[in-house]
Amino acid sequence: MRFDKALAIPKRHQKLLRLVRAGDYSASHLAKELNVSEPTINRDILFLRQHGYRLKAVRSGRGWAYRLPEKEFLRRRPIP
C-alpha cells in the first residue's frame, strides 16, 4: 500500500503538468481535477519549480492560474 502511494506522486506530477499546459487552472481547480487538497497542489508546484519547471502564477479573468512559459512546452524533463 505505501509503495502504491509513493508511485502515485510522480504520476500526479505528470498529470499536473499536462493540466497546466492545457490551460489556465487555479490551485483549487487543479486540486479538484487531481482529487487532492490545495496544499498538496502548492507543494507539488514547489517541487516542480525546484526541479526546473518554470511554473508561474498569473492573474487571469477568473483569478490566479498557473502557466508554463511556451518554451517549457517543448522541453521534457524527467520527474524524479
PDB file of N, CA and C in Angstrom:
ATOM      1  N   MET A   1       0.813  -1.186   0.000  1.00  0.00           N
ATOM      2  CA  MET A   1       0.000   0.000   0.000  1.00  0.00           C
ATOM      3  C   MET A   1       0.867   1.265   0.000  1.00  0.00           C
ATOM      4  N   ARG A   2       1.820   1.325   0.888  1.00  0.00           N
ATOM      5  CA  ARG A   2       2.675   2.507   0.974  1.00  0.00           C
ATOM      6  C   ARG A   2       3.437   2.700  -0.340  1.00  0.00           C
ATOM      7  N   PHE A   3       3.867   1.601  -0.941  1.00  0.00           N
ATOM      8  CA  PHE A   3       4.594   1.660  -2.202  1.00  0.00           C
ATOM      9  C   PHE A   3       3.707   2.227  -3.310  1.00  0.00           C
ATOM     10  N   ASP A   4       2.437   1.814  -3.331  1.00  0.00           N
ATOM     11  CA  ASP A   4       1.492   2.324  -4.328  1.00  0.00           C
ATOM     12  C   ASP A   4       1.326   3.832  -4.205  1.00  0.00           C
ATOM     13  N   LYS A   5       1.268   4.323  -2.974  1.00  0.00           N
ATOM     14  CA  LYS A   5       1.111   5.755  -2.744  1.00  0.00           C
ATOM     15  C   LYS A   5       2.343   6.519  -3.233  1.00  0.00           C
ATOM     16  N   ALA A   6       3.518   5.936  -3.006  1.00  0.00           N
ATOM     17  CA  ALA A   6       4.757   6.574  -3.460  1.00  0.00           C
ATOM     18  C   ALA A   6       4.811   6.644  -4.983  1.00  0.00           C
ATOM     19  N   LEU A   7       4.303   5.636  -5.654  1.00  0.00           N
ATOM     20  CA  LEU A   7       4.271   5.641  -7.121  1.00  0.00           C
ATOM     21  C   LEU A   7       3.253   6.634  -7.669  1.00  0.00           C
ATOM     22  N   ALA A   8       2.232   6.927  -6.901  1.00  0.00           N
ATOM     23  CA  ALA A   8       1.178   7.833  -7.352  1.00  0.00           C
ATOM     24  C   ALA A   8       1.675   9.275  -7.452  1.00  0.00           C
ATOM     25  N   ILE A   9       2.669   9.645  -6.672  1.00  0.00           N
ATOM     26  CA  ILE A   9       3.132  11.032  -6.653  1.00  0.00           C
ATOM     27  C   ILE A   9       3.732  11.449  -7.991  1.00  0.00           C
ATOM     28  N   PRO A  10       4.691  10.720  -8.571  1.00  0.00           N
ATOM     29  CA  PRO A  10       5.203  11.130  -9.885  1.00  0.00           C
ATOM     30  C   PRO A  10       4.115  11.148 -10.967  1.00  0.00           C
ATOM     31  N   LYS A  11       3.170  10.231 -10.880  1.00  0.00           N
ATOM     32  CA  LYS A  11       2.069  10.237 -11.844  1.00  0.00           C
ATOM     33  C   LYS A  11       1.228  11.496 -11.688  1.00  0.00           C
ATOM     34  N   ARG A  12       1.001  11.898 -10.436  1.00  0.00           N
ATOM     35  CA  ARG A  12       0.242  13.131 -10.182  1.00  0.00           C
ATOM     36  C   ARG A  12       0.992  14.337 -10.717  1.00  0.00           C
ATOM     37  N   HIS A  13       2.309  14.353 -10.550  1.00  0.00           N
ATOM     38  CA  HIS A  13       3.109  15.458 -11.080  1.00  0.00           C
ATOM     39  C   HIS A  13       2.971  15.547 -12.599  1.00  0.00           C
ATOM     40  N   GLN A  14       2.993  14.417 -13.267  1.00  0.00           N
ATOM     41  CA  GLN A  14       2.842  14.412 -14.729  1.00  0.00           C
ATOM     42  C   GLN A  14       1.462  14.910 -15.138  1.00  0.00           C
ATOM     43  N   LYS A  15       0.426  14.470 -14.431  1.00  0.00           N
ATOM     44  CA  LYS A  15      -0.926  14.937 -14.730  1.00  0.00           C
ATOM     45  C   LYS A  15      -1.048  16.435 -14.473  1.00  0.00           C
ATOM     46  N   LEU A  16      -0.431  16.896 -13.403  1.00  0.00           N
ATOM     47  CA  LEU A  16      -0.450  18.319 -13.073  1.00  0.00           C
ATOM     48  C   LEU A  16       0.179  19.141 -14.193  1.00  0.00           C
ATOM     49  N   LEU A  17       1.314  18.704 -14.683  1.00  0.00           N
ATOM     50  CA  LEU A  17       1.970  19.410 -15.786  1.00  0.00           C
ATOM     51  C   LEU A  17       1.100  19.404 -17.037  1.00  0.00           C
ATOM     52  N   ARG A  18       0.455  18.289 -17.329  1.00  0.00           N
ATOM     53  CA  ARG A  18      -0.431  18.229 -18.505  1.00  0.00           C
ATOM     54  C   ARG A  18      -1.584  19.219 -18.374  1.00  0.00           C
ATOM     55  N   LEU A  19      -2.164  19.307 -17.186  1.00  0.00           N
ATOM     56  CA  LEU A  19      -3.259  20.241 -16.970  1.00  0.00           C
ATOM     57  C   LEU A  19      -2.801  21.687 -17.102  1.00  0.00           C
ATOM     58  N   VAL A  20      -1.653  21.999 -16.525  1.00  0.00           N
ATOM     59  CA  VAL A  20      -1.141  23.367 -16.599  1.00  0.00           C
ATOM     60  C   VAL A  20      -0.846  23.728 -18.051  1.00  0.00           C
ATOM     61  N   ARG A  21      -0.308  22.801 -18.804  1.00  0.00           N
ATOM     62  CA  ARG A  21      -0.030  23.048 -20.231  1.00  0.00           C
ATOM     63  C   ARG A  21      -1.321  23.265 -21.020  1.00  0.00           C
ATOM     64  N   ALA A  22      -2.384  22.582 -20.607  1.00  0.00           N
ATOM     65  CA  ALA A  22      -3.642  22.632 -21.359  1.00  0.00           C
ATOM     66  C   ALA A  22      -4.413  23.937 -21.169  1.00  0.00           C
ATOM     67  N   GLY A  23      -4.226  24.619 -20.062  1.00  0.00           N
ATOM     68  CA  GLY A  23      -4.997  25.842 -19.847  1.00  0.00           C
ATOM     69  C   GLY A  23      -4.700  26.501 -18.528  1.00  0.00           C
ATOM     70  N   ASP A  24      -5.418  27.575 -18.299  1.00  0.00           N
ATOM     71  CA  ASP A  24      -5.254  28.349 -17.058  1.00  0.00           C
ATOM     72  C   ASP A  24      -6.111  27.727 -15.951  1.00  0.00           C
ATOM     73  N   TYR A  25      -5.461  27.041 -15.045  1.00  0.00           N
ATOM     74  CA  TYR A  25      -6.176  26.411 -13.952  1.00  0.00           C
ATOM     75  C   TYR A  25      -5.671  26.945 -12.619  1.00  0.00           C
ATOM     76  N   SER A  26      -6.616  27.246 -11.744  1.00  0.00           N
ATOM     77  CA  SER A  26      -6.267  27.688 -10.392  1.00  0.00           C
ATOM     78  C   SER A  26      -5.869  26.475  -9.559  1.00  0.00           C
ATOM     79  N   ALA A  27      -5.283  26.751  -8.399  1.00  0.00           N
ATOM     80  CA  ALA A  27      -4.907  25.665  -7.493  1.00  0.00           C
ATOM     81  C   ALA A  27      -6.142  24.870  -7.080  1.00  0.00           C
ATOM     82  N   SER A  28      -7.260  25.552  -6.838  1.00  0.00           N
ATOM     83  CA  SER A  28      -8.473  24.831  -6.423  1.00  0.00           C
ATOM     84  C   SER A  28      -8.995  23.942  -7.551  1.00  0.00           C
ATOM     85  N   HIS A  29      -8.945  24.424  -8.784  1.00  0.00           N
ATOM     86  CA  HIS A  29      -9.393  23.599  -9.914  1.00  0.00           C
ATOM     87  C   HIS A  29      -8.465  22.396 -10.108  1.00  0.00           C
ATOM     88  N   LEU A  30      -7.156  22.630 -10.016  1.00  0.00           N
ATOM     89  CA  LEU A  30      -6.197  21.529 -10.149  1.00  0.00           C
ATOM     90  C   LEU A  30      -6.413  20.495  -9.054  1.00  0.00           C
ATOM     91  N   ALA A  31      -6.677  20.978  -7.829  1.00  0.00           N
ATOM     92  CA  ALA A  31      -6.920  20.061  -6.707  1.00  0.00           C
ATOM     93  C   ALA A  31      -8.136  19.179  -6.982  1.00  0.00           C
ATOM     94  N   LYS A  32      -9.194  19.789  -7.516  1.00  0.00           N
ATOM     95  CA  LYS A  32     -10.403  19.011  -7.823  1.00  0.00           C
ATOM     96  C   LYS A  32     -10.127  17.997  -8.931  1.00  0.00           C
ATOM     97  N   GLU A  33      -9.425  18.426  -9.959  1.00  0.00           N
ATOM     98  CA  GLU A  33      -9.116  17.529 -11.080  1.00  0.00           C
ATOM     99  C   GLU A  33      -8.270  16.335 -10.646  1.00  0.00           C
ATOM    100  N   LEU A  34      -7.345  16.574  -9.709  1.00  0.00           N
ATOM    101  CA  LEU A  34      -6.417  15.526  -9.282  1.00  0.00           C
ATOM    102  C   LEU A  34      -6.854  14.831  -7.988  1.00  0.00           C
ATOM    103  N   ASN A  35      -7.982  15.273  -7.439  1.00  0.00           N
ATOM    104  CA  ASN A  35      -8.534  14.664  -6.232  1.00  0.00           C
ATOM    105  C   ASN A  35      -7.570  14.735  -5.038  1.00  0.00           C
ATOM    106  N   VAL A  36      -6.975  15.912  -4.866  1.00  0.00           N
ATOM    107  CA  VAL A  36      -6.094  16.171  -3.728  1.00  0.00           C
ATOM    108  C   VAL A  36      -6.462  17.536  -3.143  1.00  0.00           C
ATOM    109  N   SER A  37      -5.809  17.913  -2.066  1.00  0.00           N
ATOM    110  CA  SER A  37      -6.082  19.205  -1.442  1.00  0.00           C
ATOM    111  C   SER A  37      -5.282  20.322  -2.118  1.00  0.00           C
ATOM    112  N   GLU A  38      -5.700  21.564  -1.896  1.00  0.00           N
ATOM    113  CA  GLU A  38      -4.946  22.707  -2.426  1.00  0.00           C
ATOM    114  C   GLU A  38      -3.523  22.770  -1.854  1.00  0.00           C
ATOM    115  N   PRO A  39      -3.322  22.507  -0.550  1.00  0.00           N
ATOM    116  CA  PRO A  39      -1.942  22.488  -0.059  1.00  0.00           C
ATOM    117  C   PRO A  39      -1.071  21.452  -0.785  1.00  0.00           C
ATOM    118  N   THR A  40      -1.652  20.320  -1.163  1.00  0.00           N
ATOM    119  CA  THR A  40      -0.890  19.321  -1.922  1.00  0.00           C
ATOM    120  C   THR A  40      -0.499  19.889  -3.277  1.00  0.00           C
ATOM    121  N   ILE A  41      -1.409  20.588  -3.941  1.00  0.00           N
ATOM    122  CA  ILE A  41      -1.086  21.218  -5.228  1.00  0.00           C
ATOM    123  C   ILE A  41       0.040  22.220  -5.033  1.00  0.00           C
ATOM    124  N   ASN A  42      -0.041  23.021  -3.987  1.00  0.00           N
ATOM    125  CA  ASN A  42       1.010  24.021  -3.733  1.00  0.00           C
ATOM    126  C   ASN A  42       2.368  23.351  -3.493  1.00  0.00           C
ATOM    127  N   ARG A  43       2.380  22.241  -2.769  1.00  0.00           N
ATOM    128  CA  ARG A  43       3.632  21.503  -2.550  1.00  0.00           C
ATOM    129  C   ARG A  43       4.144  20.916  -3.856  1.00  0.00           C
ATOM    130  N   ASP A  44       3.230  20.391  -4.669  1.00  0.00           N
ATOM    131  CA  ASP A  44       3.633  19.828  -5.959  1.00  0.00           C
ATOM    132  C   ASP A  44       4.207  20.909  -6.879  1.00  0.00           C
ATOM    133  N   ILE A  45       3.586  22.077  -6.905  1.00  0.00           N
ATOM    134  CA  ILE A  45       4.088  23.194  -7.713  1.00  0.00           C
ATOM    135  C   ILE A  45       5.488  23.574  -7.242  1.00  0.00           C
ATOM    136  N   LEU A  46       5.686  23.669  -5.937  1.00  0.00           N
ATOM    137  CA  LEU A  46       7.004  23.986  -5.385  1.00  0.00           C
ATOM    138  C   LEU A  46       8.021  22.925  -5.786  1.00  0.00           C
ATOM    139  N   PHE A  47       7.655  21.660  -5.680  1.00  0.00           N
ATOM    140  CA  PHE A  47       8.546  20.561  -6.063  1.00  0.00           C
ATOM    141  C   PHE A  47       8.953  20.688  -7.527  1.00  0.00           C
ATOM    142  N   LEU A  48       7.970  20.910  -8.396  1.00  0.00           N
ATOM    143  CA  LEU A  48       8.265  21.015  -9.827  1.00  0.00           C
ATOM    144  C   LEU A  48       9.147  22.228 -10.127  1.00  0.00           C
ATOM    145  N   ARG A  49       8.900  23.324  -9.433  1.00  0.00           N
ATOM    146  CA  ARG A  49       9.767  24.504  -9.610  1.00  0.00           C
ATOM    147  C   ARG A  49      11.197  24.191  -9.185  1.00  0.00           C
ATOM    148  N   GLN A  50      11.339  23.492  -8.088  1.00  0.00           N
ATOM    149  CA  GLN A  50      12.672  23.144  -7.600  1.00  0.00           C
ATOM    150  C   GLN A  50      13.390  22.193  -8.552  1.00  0.00           C
ATOM    151  N   HIS A  51      12.642  21.521  -9.409  1.00  0.00           N
ATOM    152  CA  HIS A  51      13.230  20.598 -10.374  1.00  0.00           C
ATOM    153  C   HIS A  51      13.262  21.177 -11.787  1.00  0.00           C
ATOM    154  N   GLY A  52      13.223  22.497 -11.865  1.00  0.00           N
ATOM    155  CA  GLY A  52      13.480  23.170 -13.122  1.00  0.00           C
ATOM    156  C   GLY A  52      12.292  23.595 -13.956  1.00  0.00           C
ATOM    157  N   TYR A  53      11.091  23.275 -13.540  1.00  0.00           N
ATOM    158  CA  TYR A  53       9.916  23.722 -14.295  1.00  0.00           C
ATOM    159  C   TYR A  53       9.583  25.150 -13.873  1.00  0.00           C
ATOM    160  N   ARG A  54       9.461  26.041 -14.829  1.00  0.00           N
ATOM    161  CA  ARG A  54       9.217  27.453 -14.529  1.00  0.00           C
ATOM    162  C   ARG A  54       7.718  27.753 -14.502  1.00  0.00           C
ATOM    163  N   LEU A  55       7.040  27.120 -13.594  1.00  0.00           N
ATOM    164  CA  LEU A  55       5.608  27.364 -13.423  1.00  0.00           C
ATOM    165  C   LEU A  55       5.407  28.757 -12.848  1.00  0.00           C
ATOM    166  N   LYS A  56       4.475  29.483 -13.414  1.00  0.00           N
ATOM    167  CA  LYS A  56       4.207  30.845 -12.956  1.00  0.00           C
ATOM    168  C   LYS A  56       2.746  30.978 -12.570  1.00  0.00           C
ATOM    169  N   ALA A  57       2.510  31.731 -11.522  1.00  0.00           N
ATOM    170  CA  ALA A  57       1.146  32.093 -11.149  1.00  0.00           C
ATOM    171  C   ALA A  57       0.856  33.433 -11.823  1.00  0.00           C
ATOM    172  N   VAL A  58      -0.206  33.471 -12.600  1.00  0.00           N
ATOM    173  CA  VAL A  58      -0.570  34.689 -13.333  1.00  0.00           C
ATOM    174  C   VAL A  58      -2.027  35.037 -13.051  1.00  0.00           C
ATOM    175  N   ARG A  59      -2.286  36.324 -13.116  1.00  0.00           N
ATOM    176  CA  ARG A  59      -3.657  36.796 -12.915  1.00  0.00           C
ATOM    177  C   ARG A  59      -4.454  36.555 -14.195  1.00  0.00           C
ATOM    178  N   SER A  60      -5.590  35.894 -14.071  1.00  0.00           N
ATOM    179  CA  SER A  60      -6.448  35.668 -15.236  1.00  0.00           C
ATOM    180  C   SER A  60      -7.823  36.250 -14.923  1.00  0.00           C
ATOM    181  N   GLY A  61      -8.703  36.160 -15.855  1.00  0.00           N
ATOM    182  CA  GLY A  61     -10.043  36.694 -15.656  1.00  0.00           C
ATOM    183  C   GLY A  61     -10.786  36.071 -14.491  1.00  0.00           C
ATOM    184  N   ARG A  62     -10.436  34.843 -14.163  1.00  0.00           N
ATOM    185  CA  ARG A  62     -11.117  34.125 -13.077  1.00  0.00           C
ATOM    186  C   ARG A  62     -10.334  34.146 -11.772  1.00  0.00           C
ATOM    187  N   GLY A  63      -9.260  34.892 -11.703  1.00  0.00           N
ATOM    188  CA  GLY A  63      -8.412  34.900 -10.510  1.00  0.00           C
ATOM    189  C   GLY A  63      -7.001  34.503 -10.888  1.00  0.00           C
ATOM    190  N   TRP A  64      -6.343  33.770 -10.018  1.00  0.00           N
ATOM    191  CA  TRP A  64      -4.969  33.328 -10.271  1.00  0.00           C
ATOM    192  C   TRP A  64      -4.971  31.960 -10.938  1.00  0.00           C
ATOM    193  N   ALA A  65      -4.011  31.772 -11.839  1.00  0.00           N
ATOM    194  CA  ALA A  65      -3.888  30.494 -12.541  1.00  0.00           C
ATOM    195  C   ALA A  65      -2.411  30.185 -12.736  1.00  0.00           C
ATOM    196  N   TYR A  66      -2.102  28.921 -12.935  1.00  0.00           N
ATOM    197  CA  TYR A  66      -0.731  28.503 -13.205  1.00  0.00           C
ATOM    198  C   TYR A  66      -0.520  28.362 -14.697  1.00  0.00           C
ATOM    199  N   ARG A  67       0.678  28.734 -15.132  1.00  0.00           N
ATOM    200  CA  ARG A  67       1.074  28.596 -16.535  1.00  0.00           C
ATOM    201  C   ARG A  67       2.540  28.197 -16.609  1.00  0.00           C
ATOM    202  N   LEU A  68       2.878  27.609 -17.763  1.00  0.00           N
ATOM    203  CA  LEU A  68       4.263  27.335 -18.115  1.00  0.00           C
ATOM    204  C   LEU A  68       4.625  28.226 -19.290  1.00  0.00           C
ATOM    205  N   PRO A  69       5.833  28.805 -19.301  1.00  0.00           N
ATOM    206  CA  PRO A  69       6.249  29.558 -20.486  1.00  0.00           C
ATOM    207  C   PRO A  69       6.212  28.654 -21.714  1.00  0.00           C
ATOM    208  N   GLU A  70       5.979  29.242 -22.878  1.00  0.00           N
ATOM    209  CA  GLU A  70       5.841  28.456 -24.102  1.00  0.00           C
ATOM    210  C   GLU A  70       7.036  27.546 -24.357  1.00  0.00           C
ATOM    211  N   LYS A  71       8.235  27.986 -24.050  1.00  0.00           N
ATOM    212  CA  LYS A  71       9.433  27.160 -24.259  1.00  0.00           C
ATOM    213  C   LYS A  71       9.353  25.863 -23.468  1.00  0.00           C
ATOM    214  N   GLU A  72       8.715  25.928 -22.318  1.00  0.00           N
ATOM    215  CA  GLU A  72       8.610  24.751 -21.454  1.00  0.00           C
ATOM    216  C   GLU A  72       7.746  23.665 -22.078  1.00  0.00           C
ATOM    217  N   PHE A  73       6.845  24.029 -22.997  1.00  0.00           N
ATOM    218  CA  PHE A  73       6.002  23.027 -23.636  1.00  0.00           C
ATOM    219  C   PHE A  73       6.845  22.031 -24.411  1.00  0.00           C
ATOM    220  N   LEU A  74       7.918  22.517 -24.990  1.00  0.00           N
ATOM    221  CA  LEU A  74       8.739  21.679 -25.843  1.00  0.00           C
ATOM    222  C   LEU A  74       9.750  20.844 -25.069  1.00  0.00           C
ATOM    223  N   ARG A  75      10.113  21.321 -23.911  1.00  0.00           N
ATOM    224  CA  ARG A  75      11.146  20.679 -23.097  1.00  0.00           C
ATOM    225  C   ARG A  75      10.541  19.546 -22.270  1.00  0.00           C
ATOM    226  N   ARG A  76      11.159  18.431 -22.306  1.00  0.00           N
ATOM    227  CA  ARG A  76      10.716  17.293 -21.492  1.00  0.00           C
ATOM    228  C   ARG A  76      11.806  16.968 -20.491  1.00  0.00           C
ATOM    229  N   ARG A  77      11.454  17.027 -19.253  1.00  0.00           N
ATOM    230  CA  ARG A  77      12.391  16.680 -18.187  1.00  0.00           C
ATOM    231  C   ARG A  77      11.810  15.499 -17.429  1.00  0.00           C
ATOM    232  N   PRO A  78      12.662  14.594 -17.043  1.00  0.00           N
ATOM    233  CA  PRO A  78      12.138  13.521 -16.189  1.00  0.00           C
ATOM    234  C   PRO A  78      11.797  14.075 -14.812  1.00  0.00           C
ATOM    235  N   ILE A  79      10.745  13.580 -14.245  1.00  0.00           N
ATOM    236  CA  ILE A  79      10.356  13.992 -12.898  1.00  0.00           C
ATOM    237  C   ILE A  79      10.911  12.949 -11.948  1.00  0.00           C
ATOM    238  N   PRO A  80      11.727  13.405 -10.991  1.00  0.00           N
ATOM    239  CA  PRO A  80      12.321  12.440 -10.054  1.00  0.00           C
ATOM    240  C   PRO A  80      11.296  11.749  -9.191  1.00  0.00           C
TER     241      PRO A  80
END
